[in-house]
Amino acid sequence: MADAPHTSIGHETRDADVRAIVIAAMAFAVGIAFTLWLVLEMFRFLNHHRAVVTPSNPLAETGQQQFPPQPRIEEHPAIEVEQLRKQEEIILSTYGWTDKKAGVVRIPIDRAIELQLERGFPARKQVVTK
């Protein structure tokens, strides 16, 4: 089987339709521009029309706003955690009454550690097994 000689020219004999390519590119550009304009207008509209807070239920017994039960979502969690840490630090580093009627006091944690080291820790009794 011998290879038959090629009779084709080996390149495109017709050019691409330039007019159709230009029209498609222009339609694509117009579509992108329209989409960008539409998104921009939506942002402007939403910026000027803030979300409306729904009024309280007219069937509720009181006209005052009712809060959900505890625990609620914290408004400023970082600030509240910082305040909690300060309160804990005060409790751990100062003397004070825990229960005045029972005569129970608290001492700073560092002093409590020193006292415990001086007194020692309770140890388990060794059981001798044979």
C-alpha atoms as a PDB file:
ATOM      1  CA  MET A   1       0.000   0.000   0.000  1.00  0.00           C
ATOM      2  CA  ALA A   2       1.600   3.072  -1.190  1.00  0.00           C
ATOM      3  CA  ASP A   3       0.615   6.429   0.185  1.00  0.00           C
ATOM      4  CA  ALA A   4      -1.459   8.440  -2.211  1.00  0.00           C
ATOM      5  CA  PRO A   5      -0.154  11.938  -2.946  1.00  0.00           C
ATOM      6  CA  HIS A   6      -2.030  14.779  -1.292  1.00  0.00           C
ATOM      7  CA  THR A   7      -4.212  16.708  -3.625  1.00  0.00           C
ATOM      8  CA  SER A   8      -5.322  19.361  -1.111  1.00  0.00           C
ATOM      9  CA  ILE A   9      -3.677  22.731  -0.879  1.00  0.00           C
ATOM     10  CA  GLY A  10      -3.010  22.446   2.886  1.00  0.00           C
ATOM     11  CA  HIS A  11      -4.460  25.702   4.155  1.00  0.00           C
ATOM     12  CA  GLU A  12      -7.801  27.424   4.583  1.00  0.00           C
ATOM     13  CA  THR A  13      -9.291  28.482   1.321  1.00  0.00           C
ATOM     14  CA  ARG A  14     -11.923  30.740   2.968  1.00  0.00           C
ATOM     15  CA  ASP A  15     -11.236  33.562   5.406  1.00  0.00           C
ATOM     16  CA  ALA A  16     -13.126  33.850   8.712  1.00  0.00           C
ATOM     17  CA  ASP A  17     -16.104  36.200   8.643  1.00  0.00           C
ATOM     18  CA  VAL A  18     -14.537  39.302  10.213  1.00  0.00           C
ATOM     19  CA  ARG A  19     -17.863  41.139  10.322  1.00  0.00           C
ATOM     20  CA  ALA A  20     -19.469  38.386  12.419  1.00  0.00           C
ATOM     21  CA  ILE A  21     -16.496  38.328  14.826  1.00  0.00           C
ATOM     22  CA  VAL A  22     -16.627  42.110  15.295  1.00  0.00           C
ATOM     23  CA  ILE A  23     -20.400  42.051  15.892  1.00  0.00           C
ATOM     24  CA  ALA A  24     -20.037  39.228  18.435  1.00  0.00           C
ATOM     25  CA  ALA A  25     -17.220  41.082  20.255  1.00  0.00           C
ATOM     26  CA  MET A  26     -19.280  44.285  20.362  1.00  0.00           C
ATOM     27  CA  ALA A  27     -22.335  42.419  21.669  1.00  0.00           C
ATOM     28  CA  PHE A  28     -20.166  40.806  24.334  1.00  0.00           C
ATOM     29  CA  ALA A  29     -18.728  44.208  25.384  1.00  0.00           C
ATOM     30  CA  VAL A  30     -22.213  45.762  25.500  1.00  0.00           C
ATOM     31  CA  GLY A  31     -23.448  42.847  27.628  1.00  0.00           C
ATOM     32  CA  ILE A  32     -20.575  43.260  30.093  1.00  0.00           C
ATOM     33  CA  ALA A  33     -21.123  47.029  30.292  1.00  0.00           C
ATOM     34  CA  PHE A  34     -24.866  46.538  30.890  1.00  0.00           C
ATOM     35  CA  THR A  35     -24.198  43.968  33.642  1.00  0.00           C
ATOM     36  CA  LEU A  36     -21.711  46.278  35.388  1.00  0.00           C
ATOM     37  CA  TRP A  37     -24.169  49.191  35.185  1.00  0.00           C
ATOM     38  CA  LEU A  38     -26.982  47.023  36.575  1.00  0.00           C
ATOM     39  CA  VAL A  39     -24.859  45.851  39.538  1.00  0.00           C
ATOM     40  CA  LEU A  40     -23.735  49.421  40.282  1.00  0.00           C
ATOM     41  CA  GLU A  41     -27.340  50.650  40.281  1.00  0.00           C
ATOM     42  CA  MET A  42     -28.377  47.813  42.592  1.00  0.00           C
ATOM     43  CA  PHE A  43     -25.634  48.778  45.066  1.00  0.00           C
ATOM     44  CA  ARG A  44     -26.696  52.434  44.933  1.00  0.00           C
ATOM     45  CA  PHE A  45     -30.340  51.490  45.522  1.00  0.00           C
ATOM     46  CA  LEU A  46     -29.504  49.214  48.460  1.00  0.00           C
ATOM     47  CA  ASN A  47     -27.194  51.837  49.947  1.00  0.00           C
ATOM     48  CA  HIS A  48     -29.987  54.446  50.022  1.00  0.00           C
ATOM     49  CA  HIS A  49     -32.725  52.059  51.178  1.00  0.00           C
ATOM     50  CA  ARG A  50     -31.581  50.574  54.455  1.00  0.00           C
ATOM     51  CA  ALA A  51     -33.134  47.403  55.823  1.00  0.00           C
ATOM     52  CA  VAL A  52     -36.381  48.135  57.612  1.00  0.00           C
ATOM     53  CA  VAL A  53     -36.759  46.847  61.140  1.00  0.00           C
ATOM     54  CA  THR A  54     -40.011  44.987  61.393  1.00  0.00           C
ATOM     55  CA  PRO A  55     -42.381  46.345  64.019  1.00  0.00           C
ATOM     56  CA  SER A  56     -43.150  44.241  67.058  1.00  0.00           C
ATOM     57  CA  ASN A  57     -45.986  41.768  66.836  1.00  0.00           C
ATOM     58  CA  PRO A  58     -49.332  43.601  67.185  1.00  0.00           C
ATOM     59  CA  LEU A  59     -50.723  40.573  69.032  1.00  0.00           C
ATOM     60  CA  ALA A  60     -48.094  40.788  71.782  1.00  0.00           C
ATOM     61  CA  GLU A  61     -49.334  41.695  75.252  1.00  0.00           C
ATOM     62  CA  THR A  62     -47.021  44.681  75.682  1.00  0.00           C
ATOM     63  CA  GLY A  63     -45.892  47.366  73.290  1.00  0.00           C
ATOM     64  CA  GLN A  64     -42.313  47.133  74.567  1.00  0.00           C
ATOM     65  CA  GLN A  65     -39.655  45.242  72.732  1.00  0.00           C
ATOM     66  CA  GLN A  66     -39.179  41.779  74.193  1.00  0.00           C
ATOM     67  CA  PHE A  67     -35.719  40.292  74.452  1.00  0.00           C
ATOM     68  CA  PRO A  68     -35.003  36.610  73.916  1.00  0.00           C
ATOM     69  CA  PRO A  69     -34.122  34.549  76.984  1.00  0.00           C
ATOM     70  CA  GLN A  70     -30.571  34.311  78.296  1.00  0.00           C
ATOM     71  CA  PRO A  71     -27.926  33.650  77.046  1.00  0.00           C
ATOM     72  CA  ARG A  72     -28.083  36.316  74.356  1.00  0.00           C
ATOM     73  CA  ILE A  73     -25.578  37.109  71.651  1.00  0.00           C
ATOM     74  CA  GLU A  74     -22.954  39.480  72.976  1.00  0.00           C
ATOM     75  CA  GLU A  75     -22.797  42.900  71.358  1.00  0.00           C
ATOM     76  CA  HIS A  76     -19.066  43.429  71.916  1.00  0.00           C
ATOM     77  CA  PRO A  77     -17.508  40.046  72.755  1.00  0.00           C
ATOM     78  CA  ALA A  78     -13.885  41.243  72.777  1.00  0.00           C
ATOM     79  CA  ILE A  79     -14.603  44.021  75.294  1.00  0.00           C
ATOM     80  CA  GLU A  80     -16.710  41.735  77.480  1.00  0.00           C
ATOM     81  CA  VAL A  81     -13.998  39.047  77.535  1.00  0.00           C
ATOM     82  CA  GLU A  82     -11.423  41.687  78.492  1.00  0.00           C
ATOM     83  CA  GLN A  83     -13.652  42.873  81.364  1.00  0.00           C
ATOM     84  CA  LEU A  84     -14.161  39.274  82.492  1.00  0.00           C
ATOM     85  CA  ARG A  85     -10.392  38.674  82.500  1.00  0.00           C
ATOM     86  CA  LYS A  86      -9.865  41.838  84.610  1.00  0.00           C
ATOM     87  CA  GLN A  87     -12.472  40.666  87.144  1.00  0.00           C
ATOM     88  CA  GLU A  88     -10.871  37.220  87.292  1.00  0.00           C
ATOM     89  CA  GLU A  89      -7.421  38.766  87.760  1.00  0.00           C
ATOM     90  CA  ILE A  90      -8.728  40.885  90.654  1.00  0.00           C
ATOM     91  CA  ILE A  91     -10.282  37.820  92.294  1.00  0.00           C
ATOM     92  CA  LEU A  92      -7.075  35.778  91.863  1.00  0.00           C
ATOM     93  CA  SER A  93      -4.699  38.477  93.124  1.00  0.00           C
ATOM     94  CA  THR A  94      -6.480  40.032  96.140  1.00  0.00           C
ATOM     95  CA  TYR A  95      -7.724  39.082  99.583  1.00  0.00           C
ATOM     96  CA  GLY A  96     -11.459  39.116 100.217  1.00  0.00           C
ATOM     97  CA  TRP A  97     -14.457  37.404 101.740  1.00  0.00           C
ATOM     98  CA  THR A  98     -15.994  34.475  99.916  1.00  0.00           C
ATOM     99  CA  ASP A  99     -18.627  33.831 102.601  1.00  0.00           C
ATOM    100  CA  LYS A 100     -18.449  36.256 105.527  1.00  0.00           C
ATOM    101  CA  LYS A 101     -21.067  34.409 107.618  1.00  0.00           C
ATOM    102  CA  ALA A 102     -19.182  31.124 107.352  1.00  0.00           C
ATOM    103  CA  GLY A 103     -15.806  32.836 107.767  1.00  0.00           C
ATOM    104  CA  VAL A 104     -14.476  31.746 104.361  1.00  0.00           C
ATOM    105  CA  VAL A 105     -11.934  34.072 102.746  1.00  0.00           C
ATOM    106  CA  ARG A 106      -9.997  34.051  99.541  1.00  0.00           C
ATOM    107  CA  ILE A 107      -6.278  34.701  99.242  1.00  0.00           C
ATOM    108  CA  PRO A 108      -4.130  35.528  96.215  1.00  0.00           C
ATOM    109  CA  ILE A 109      -3.297  32.499  94.106  1.00  0.00           C
ATOM    110  CA  ASP A 110       0.464  32.994  94.485  1.00  0.00           C
ATOM    111  CA  ARG A 111       0.157  32.961  98.284  1.00  0.00           C
ATOM    112  CA  ALA A 112      -2.094  29.877  98.138  1.00  0.00           C
ATOM    113  CA  ILE A 113       0.508  28.022  96.072  1.00  0.00           C
ATOM    114  CA  GLU A 114       3.263  28.961  98.570  1.00  0.00           C
ATOM    115  CA  LEU A 115       1.150  27.746 101.505  1.00  0.00           C
ATOM    116  CA  GLN A 116       0.323  24.484  99.756  1.00  0.00           C
ATOM    117  CA  LEU A 117       3.985  23.853  98.969  1.00  0.00           C
ATOM    118  CA  GLU A 118       4.904  24.500 102.611  1.00  0.00           C
ATOM    119  CA  ARG A 119       2.183  22.177 103.933  1.00  0.00           C
ATOM    120  CA  GLY A 120       2.681  19.533 101.273  1.00  0.00           C
ATOM    121  CA  PHE A 121       0.194  17.579  99.256  1.00  0.00           C
ATOM    122  CA  PRO A 122      -1.749  14.594 100.550  1.00  0.00           C
ATOM    123  CA  ALA A 123      -0.256  11.319  99.433  1.00  0.00           C
ATOM    124  CA  ARG A 124      -1.930   7.992  98.800  1.00  0.00           C
ATOM    125  CA  LYS A 125      -1.103   5.281 101.302  1.00  0.00           C
ATOM    126  CA  GLN A 126       1.072   2.578  99.866  1.00  0.00           C
ATOM    127  CA  VAL A 127      -0.522  -0.849  99.929  1.00  0.00           C
ATOM    128  CA  VAL A 128       1.970  -3.642 100.315  1.00  0.00           C
ATOM    129  CA  THR A 129       1.098  -6.667  98.238  1.00  0.00           C
ATOM    130  CA  LYS A 130       2.729 -10.062  98.611  1.00  0.00           C
END
